[in-house]
Protein backbone atom coordinates (compact mmCIF):
# COMPACT_ATOMS: atom_id res chain seq x y z
CA MET A 1 36.63 95.77 -256.06
CA LYS A 2 34.76 97.85 -258.59
CA ARG A 3 32.61 99.48 -255.89
CA VAL A 4 35.35 100.04 -253.36
CA PHE A 5 38.40 100.83 -255.45
CA ARG A 6 36.68 101.81 -258.70
CA ILE A 7 38.67 99.07 -260.48
CA ASP A 8 36.99 96.62 -262.76
CA ALA A 9 38.99 93.43 -262.05
CA LEU A 10 37.32 91.66 -264.94
CA ARG A 11 38.48 94.16 -267.57
CA CYS A 12 42.00 94.23 -268.98
CA ALA A 13 43.78 97.52 -268.05
CA LYS A 14 45.84 97.42 -271.27
CA CYS A 15 43.33 96.62 -274.00
CA GLY A 16 39.97 96.98 -272.24
CA SER A 17 38.70 93.50 -273.17
CA GLU A 18 36.58 91.49 -270.74
CA ARG A 19 38.16 88.74 -268.63
CA ARG A 20 36.37 85.61 -267.46
CA TRP A 21 36.19 84.31 -263.89
CA ILE A 22 37.73 80.84 -264.06
CA ALA A 23 38.15 79.69 -260.45
CA ALA A 24 38.63 80.79 -256.84
CA ILE A 25 41.52 79.08 -255.12
CA THR A 26 40.68 78.45 -251.48
CA SER A 27 43.27 75.81 -250.56
CA VAL A 28 46.11 77.26 -248.51
CA GLU A 29 48.54 74.63 -249.84
CA ALA A 30 47.61 75.39 -253.48
CA VAL A 31 48.06 79.12 -252.98
CA ALA A 32 51.45 78.55 -251.29
CA LYS A 33 52.59 76.36 -254.21
CA ILE A 34 51.58 79.01 -256.77
CA LEU A 35 53.29 81.81 -254.78
CA ASP A 36 56.45 79.70 -254.38
CA HIS A 37 56.50 79.01 -258.12
CA LEU A 38 56.20 82.72 -258.85
CA GLU A 39 59.00 83.34 -256.28
CA LEU A 40 56.68 85.48 -254.14
CA PRO A 41 56.50 85.25 -250.31
CA SER A 42 54.11 82.52 -249.24
CA ALA A 43 54.71 82.32 -245.50
CA LEU A 44 51.79 83.28 -243.34
CA ILE A 45 52.39 86.43 -241.34
CA GLN A 46 51.26 86.33 -237.74
CA PRO A 47 49.63 89.62 -236.86
CA SER A 48 50.73 91.42 -233.71
CA PRO A 49 48.37 91.10 -230.79
CA PRO A 50 45.94 94.00 -230.51
CA ARG A 51 46.85 96.80 -228.18
CA ALA A 52 44.57 98.25 -225.59
CA PRO A 53 42.66 101.38 -226.52
CA PRO A 54 44.19 104.65 -225.36
CA GLN A 55 43.13 105.70 -221.92
CA ALA A 56 41.00 108.85 -222.01
CA GLU A 57 42.49 111.53 -219.85
CA PHE A 58 39.91 113.53 -217.93
CA GLU A 59 41.09 116.88 -216.74
CA PHE A 60 38.85 118.29 -214.02
CA GLU A 61 39.45 121.89 -213.20
CA GLY A 62 38.15 123.37 -209.97
CA CYS A 63 36.28 120.40 -208.70
């Protein structure tokens, strides 16, 4: 995140102190439980199917 957004995720925005990386939660069920507890949406959103690329319009004049 630091390289892309210029945000140091391991530094407190309020006081500037360093944070420690404790864990990475990879279980979908655990993440859903945490989000439900925080009363945040936890349902997976199904993305729309991709659309076809726009058709290039070729205009031939005088052919």
